Amino acid sequence: MTDGLEVRPATPLDEPALLRLQLELRDHHRFLEPENPRYGVEREEWQRLLRESLQRDDRRFLVATFGGPYAASFSFRSFQNRGG
């Protein structure tokens, strides 16, 4: 039984939706922190950074959908334990 929520690994086909979501979040945070240079990054650069992140072996992106449309995304990096 499912409640309509699906969480799955992102694929390259998810890039446009991920970019759209990240740009909306960027704009929201730009309003909150207008002096923060992170939120001044233009769309093309943001897209380049996202594409590079999606291709990295140490980064994972998950997307959540609810009945079809995207509801959220999550990314995380994996680190190797270097001892100590």
N, C-alpha and C. Protein backbone atom coordinates (compact mmCIF):
# COMPACT_ATOMS: atom_id res chain seq x y z
N MET A 1 0.85 -1.18 0.00
CA MET A 1 0.00 0.00 0.00
C MET A 1 0.89 1.24 0.00
N THR A 2 0.53 2.22 -0.79
CA THR A 2 1.31 3.45 -0.88
C THR A 2 0.42 4.64 -0.62
N ASP A 3 1.01 5.67 -0.06
CA ASP A 3 0.25 6.89 0.20
C ASP A 3 0.49 7.93 -0.90
N GLY A 4 1.15 7.52 -1.98
CA GLY A 4 1.42 8.42 -3.09
C GLY A 4 2.78 9.08 -3.03
N LEU A 5 3.48 8.92 -1.92
CA LEU A 5 4.80 9.50 -1.76
C LEU A 5 5.84 8.52 -2.27
N GLU A 6 6.70 8.97 -3.16
CA GLU A 6 7.78 8.14 -3.68
C GLU A 6 9.09 8.90 -3.49
N VAL A 7 10.05 8.26 -2.86
CA VAL A 7 11.40 8.81 -2.71
C VAL A 7 12.32 7.89 -3.48
N ARG A 8 13.14 8.49 -4.35
CA ARG A 8 14.00 7.68 -5.20
C ARG A 8 15.27 8.46 -5.53
N PRO A 9 16.31 7.76 -5.98
CA PRO A 9 17.51 8.46 -6.42
C PRO A 9 17.20 9.31 -7.65
N ALA A 10 17.81 10.48 -7.71
CA ALA A 10 17.63 11.36 -8.86
C ALA A 10 18.38 10.78 -10.06
N THR A 11 17.87 11.08 -11.23
CA THR A 11 18.53 10.70 -12.48
C THR A 11 18.81 11.98 -13.27
N PRO A 12 19.61 11.89 -14.32
CA PRO A 12 19.85 13.08 -15.14
C PRO A 12 18.55 13.70 -15.68
N LEU A 13 17.51 12.90 -15.86
CA LEU A 13 16.24 13.43 -16.34
C LEU A 13 15.56 14.34 -15.32
N ASP A 14 15.98 14.26 -14.06
CA ASP A 14 15.42 15.11 -13.01
C ASP A 14 16.06 16.49 -12.95
N GLU A 15 17.13 16.69 -13.69
CA GLU A 15 17.87 17.95 -13.59
C GLU A 15 16.99 19.19 -13.78
N PRO A 16 16.11 19.26 -14.79
CA PRO A 16 15.30 20.48 -14.93
C PRO A 16 14.42 20.77 -13.71
N ALA A 17 13.82 19.74 -13.14
CA ALA A 17 12.96 19.95 -11.96
C ALA A 17 13.81 20.31 -10.74
N LEU A 18 14.95 19.67 -10.59
CA LEU A 18 15.84 20.01 -9.48
C LEU A 18 16.32 21.45 -9.60
N LEU A 19 16.67 21.85 -10.80
CA LEU A 19 17.13 23.23 -11.01
C LEU A 19 16.01 24.21 -10.67
N ARG A 20 14.82 23.93 -11.13
CA ARG A 20 13.68 24.81 -10.85
C ARG A 20 13.45 24.94 -9.34
N LEU A 21 13.49 23.83 -8.63
CA LEU A 21 13.31 23.84 -7.18
C LEU A 21 14.44 24.61 -6.49
N GLN A 22 15.68 24.35 -6.90
CA GLN A 22 16.81 25.02 -6.27
C GLN A 22 16.79 26.52 -6.55
N LEU A 23 16.37 26.92 -7.74
CA LEU A 23 16.29 28.35 -8.04
C LEU A 23 15.21 29.04 -7.22
N GLU A 24 14.11 28.35 -7.00
CA GLU A 24 13.06 28.93 -6.14
C GLU A 24 13.58 29.10 -4.71
N LEU A 25 14.32 28.10 -4.22
CA LEU A 25 14.89 28.21 -2.88
C LEU A 25 15.96 29.30 -2.83
N ARG A 26 16.77 29.41 -3.88
CA ARG A 26 17.78 30.48 -3.96
C ARG A 26 17.12 31.84 -3.87
N ASP A 27 16.05 32.03 -4.63
CA ASP A 27 15.37 33.33 -4.63
C ASP A 27 14.76 33.64 -3.27
N HIS A 28 14.21 32.64 -2.62
CA HIS A 28 13.66 32.82 -1.28
C HIS A 28 14.75 33.26 -0.30
N HIS A 29 15.88 32.56 -0.34
CA HIS A 29 16.97 32.89 0.57
C HIS A 29 17.64 34.22 0.19
N ARG A 30 17.64 34.55 -1.08
CA ARG A 30 18.18 35.84 -1.51
C ARG A 30 17.37 36.97 -0.87
N PHE A 31 16.06 36.79 -0.78
CA PHE A 31 15.21 37.77 -0.12
C PHE A 31 15.56 37.89 1.36
N LEU A 32 15.83 36.74 2.01
CA LEU A 32 16.15 36.73 3.44
C LEU A 32 17.55 37.24 3.73
N GLU A 33 18.49 36.93 2.84
CA GLU A 33 19.90 37.29 3.04
C GLU A 33 20.46 37.93 1.76
N PRO A 34 20.05 39.14 1.44
CA PRO A 34 20.45 39.74 0.17
C PRO A 34 21.96 39.96 0.02
N GLU A 35 22.69 40.02 1.11
CA GLU A 35 24.13 40.24 1.04
C GLU A 35 24.94 38.94 0.92
N ASN A 36 24.28 37.80 1.04
CA ASN A 36 24.98 36.52 0.97
C ASN A 36 25.32 36.22 -0.49
N PRO A 37 26.62 36.13 -0.83
CA PRO A 37 27.00 35.91 -2.23
C PRO A 37 26.51 34.59 -2.81
N ARG A 38 26.27 33.61 -1.96
CA ARG A 38 25.79 32.31 -2.46
C ARG A 38 24.48 32.47 -3.22
N TYR A 39 23.63 33.39 -2.77
CA TYR A 39 22.32 33.54 -3.38
C TYR A 39 22.33 34.55 -4.52
N GLY A 40 23.49 35.08 -4.85
CA GLY A 40 23.63 35.97 -6.00
C GLY A 40 24.08 35.25 -7.25
N VAL A 41 24.29 33.94 -7.16
CA VAL A 41 24.74 33.15 -8.29
C VAL A 41 23.64 33.13 -9.36
N GLU A 42 24.02 33.41 -10.59
CA GLU A 42 23.05 33.44 -11.69
C GLU A 42 22.64 32.04 -12.11
N ARG A 43 21.54 31.96 -12.83
CA ARG A 43 20.93 30.69 -13.23
C ARG A 43 21.90 29.77 -13.95
N GLU A 44 22.65 30.27 -14.90
CA GLU A 44 23.56 29.44 -15.69
C GLU A 44 24.64 28.81 -14.82
N GLU A 45 25.18 29.60 -13.90
CA GLU A 45 26.21 29.07 -13.00
C GLU A 45 25.59 28.06 -12.03
N TRP A 46 24.40 28.35 -11.53
CA TRP A 46 23.72 27.42 -10.63
C TRP A 46 23.48 26.09 -11.34
N GLN A 47 23.07 26.16 -12.60
CA GLN A 47 22.83 24.95 -13.38
C GLN A 47 24.12 24.16 -13.58
N ARG A 48 25.21 24.87 -13.86
CA ARG A 48 26.50 24.19 -14.04
C ARG A 48 26.91 23.48 -12.74
N LEU A 49 26.76 24.17 -11.61
CA LEU A 49 27.12 23.57 -10.33
C LEU A 49 26.24 22.36 -10.01
N LEU A 50 24.96 22.45 -10.29
CA LEU A 50 24.05 21.33 -10.08
C LEU A 50 24.46 20.15 -10.95
N ARG A 51 24.71 20.41 -12.22
CA ARG A 51 25.09 19.33 -13.14
C ARG A 51 26.37 18.64 -12.66
N GLU A 52 27.34 19.42 -12.23
CA GLU A 52 28.58 18.84 -11.71
C GLU A 52 28.30 18.00 -10.47
N SER A 53 27.46 18.50 -9.59
CA SER A 53 27.13 17.76 -8.37
C SER A 53 26.43 16.45 -8.69
N LEU A 54 25.53 16.47 -9.66
CA LEU A 54 24.81 15.24 -10.03
C LEU A 54 25.76 14.18 -10.57
N GLN A 55 26.89 14.59 -11.12
CA GLN A 55 27.83 13.65 -11.72
C GLN A 55 28.90 13.16 -10.76
N ARG A 56 28.97 13.73 -9.57
CA ARG A 56 30.01 13.36 -8.62
C ARG A 56 29.68 12.04 -7.94
N ASP A 57 30.72 11.23 -7.75
CA ASP A 57 30.54 9.94 -7.08
C ASP A 57 30.30 10.08 -5.58
N ASP A 58 30.74 11.19 -4.99
CA ASP A 58 30.60 11.35 -3.55
C ASP A 58 29.34 12.13 -3.15
N ARG A 59 28.47 12.39 -4.10
CA ARG A 59 27.24 13.13 -3.80
C ARG A 59 26.05 12.31 -4.27
N ARG A 60 25.00 12.30 -3.48
CA ARG A 60 23.77 11.60 -3.83
C ARG A 60 22.61 12.58 -3.76
N PHE A 61 21.73 12.48 -4.73
CA PHE A 61 20.52 13.29 -4.75
C PHE A 61 19.33 12.37 -4.69
N LEU A 62 18.39 12.70 -3.85
CA LEU A 62 17.11 12.00 -3.79
C LEU A 62 16.03 12.99 -4.17
N VAL A 63 15.00 12.49 -4.81
CA VAL A 63 13.84 13.32 -5.11
C VAL A 63 12.61 12.66 -4.52
N ALA A 64 11.69 13.49 -4.11
CA ALA A 64 10.42 12.99 -3.57
C ALA A 64 9.30 13.52 -4.46
N THR A 65 8.42 12.63 -4.84
CA THR A 65 7.24 13.03 -5.61
C THR A 65 6.01 12.60 -4.82
N PHE A 66 4.96 13.32 -5.06
CA PHE A 66 3.70 13.00 -4.39
C PHE A 66 2.61 13.03 -5.43
N GLY A 67 2.27 11.86 -5.91
CA GLY A 67 1.23 11.76 -6.93
C GLY A 67 1.64 12.34 -8.27
N GLY A 68 2.93 12.42 -8.54
CA GLY A 68 3.39 12.91 -9.84
C GLY A 68 4.34 14.09 -9.74
N PRO A 69 3.87 15.27 -9.29
CA PRO A 69 4.77 16.41 -9.27
C PRO A 69 5.87 16.26 -8.21
N TYR A 70 6.95 16.95 -8.44
CA TYR A 70 8.04 16.94 -7.47
C TYR A 70 7.59 17.65 -6.20
N ALA A 71 7.94 17.05 -5.08
CA ALA A 71 7.59 17.65 -3.79
C ALA A 71 8.82 18.17 -3.07
N ALA A 72 9.97 17.52 -3.26
CA ALA A 72 11.18 17.92 -2.55
C ALA A 72 12.39 17.23 -3.16
N SER A 73 13.56 17.72 -2.78
CA SER A 73 14.80 17.04 -3.13
C SER A 73 15.73 17.12 -1.94
N PHE A 74 16.69 16.24 -1.94
CA PHE A 74 17.65 16.18 -0.86
C PHE A 74 18.96 15.73 -1.45
N SER A 75 20.05 16.35 -1.05
CA SER A 75 21.35 15.89 -1.50
C SER A 75 22.24 15.70 -0.29
N PHE A 76 23.17 14.79 -0.42
CA PHE A 76 24.13 14.58 0.65
C PHE A 76 25.43 14.07 0.05
N ARG A 77 26.48 14.25 0.79
CA ARG A 77 27.79 13.78 0.37
C ARG A 77 28.20 12.62 1.25
N SER A 78 28.94 11.71 0.67
CA SER A 78 29.48 10.61 1.47
C SER A 78 30.96 10.86 1.69
N PHE A 79 31.41 10.55 2.88
CA PHE A 79 32.80 10.74 3.25
C PHE A 79 33.38 9.41 3.70
N GLN A 80 34.61 9.19 3.34
CA GLN A 80 35.28 7.99 3.82
C GLN A 80 35.86 8.28 5.20
N ASN A 81 35.76 7.30 6.08
CA ASN A 81 36.35 7.43 7.39
C ASN A 81 37.86 7.30 7.23
N ARG A 82 38.57 8.35 7.61
CA ARG A 82 40.03 8.33 7.45
C ARG A 82 40.74 7.92 8.73
N GLY A 83 39.97 7.37 9.64
CA GLY A 83 40.57 6.91 10.90
C GLY A 83 40.81 8.06 11.87
N GLY A 84 40.96 7.69 13.13
CA GLY A 84 41.28 8.69 14.14
C GLY A 84 40.10 9.38 14.60
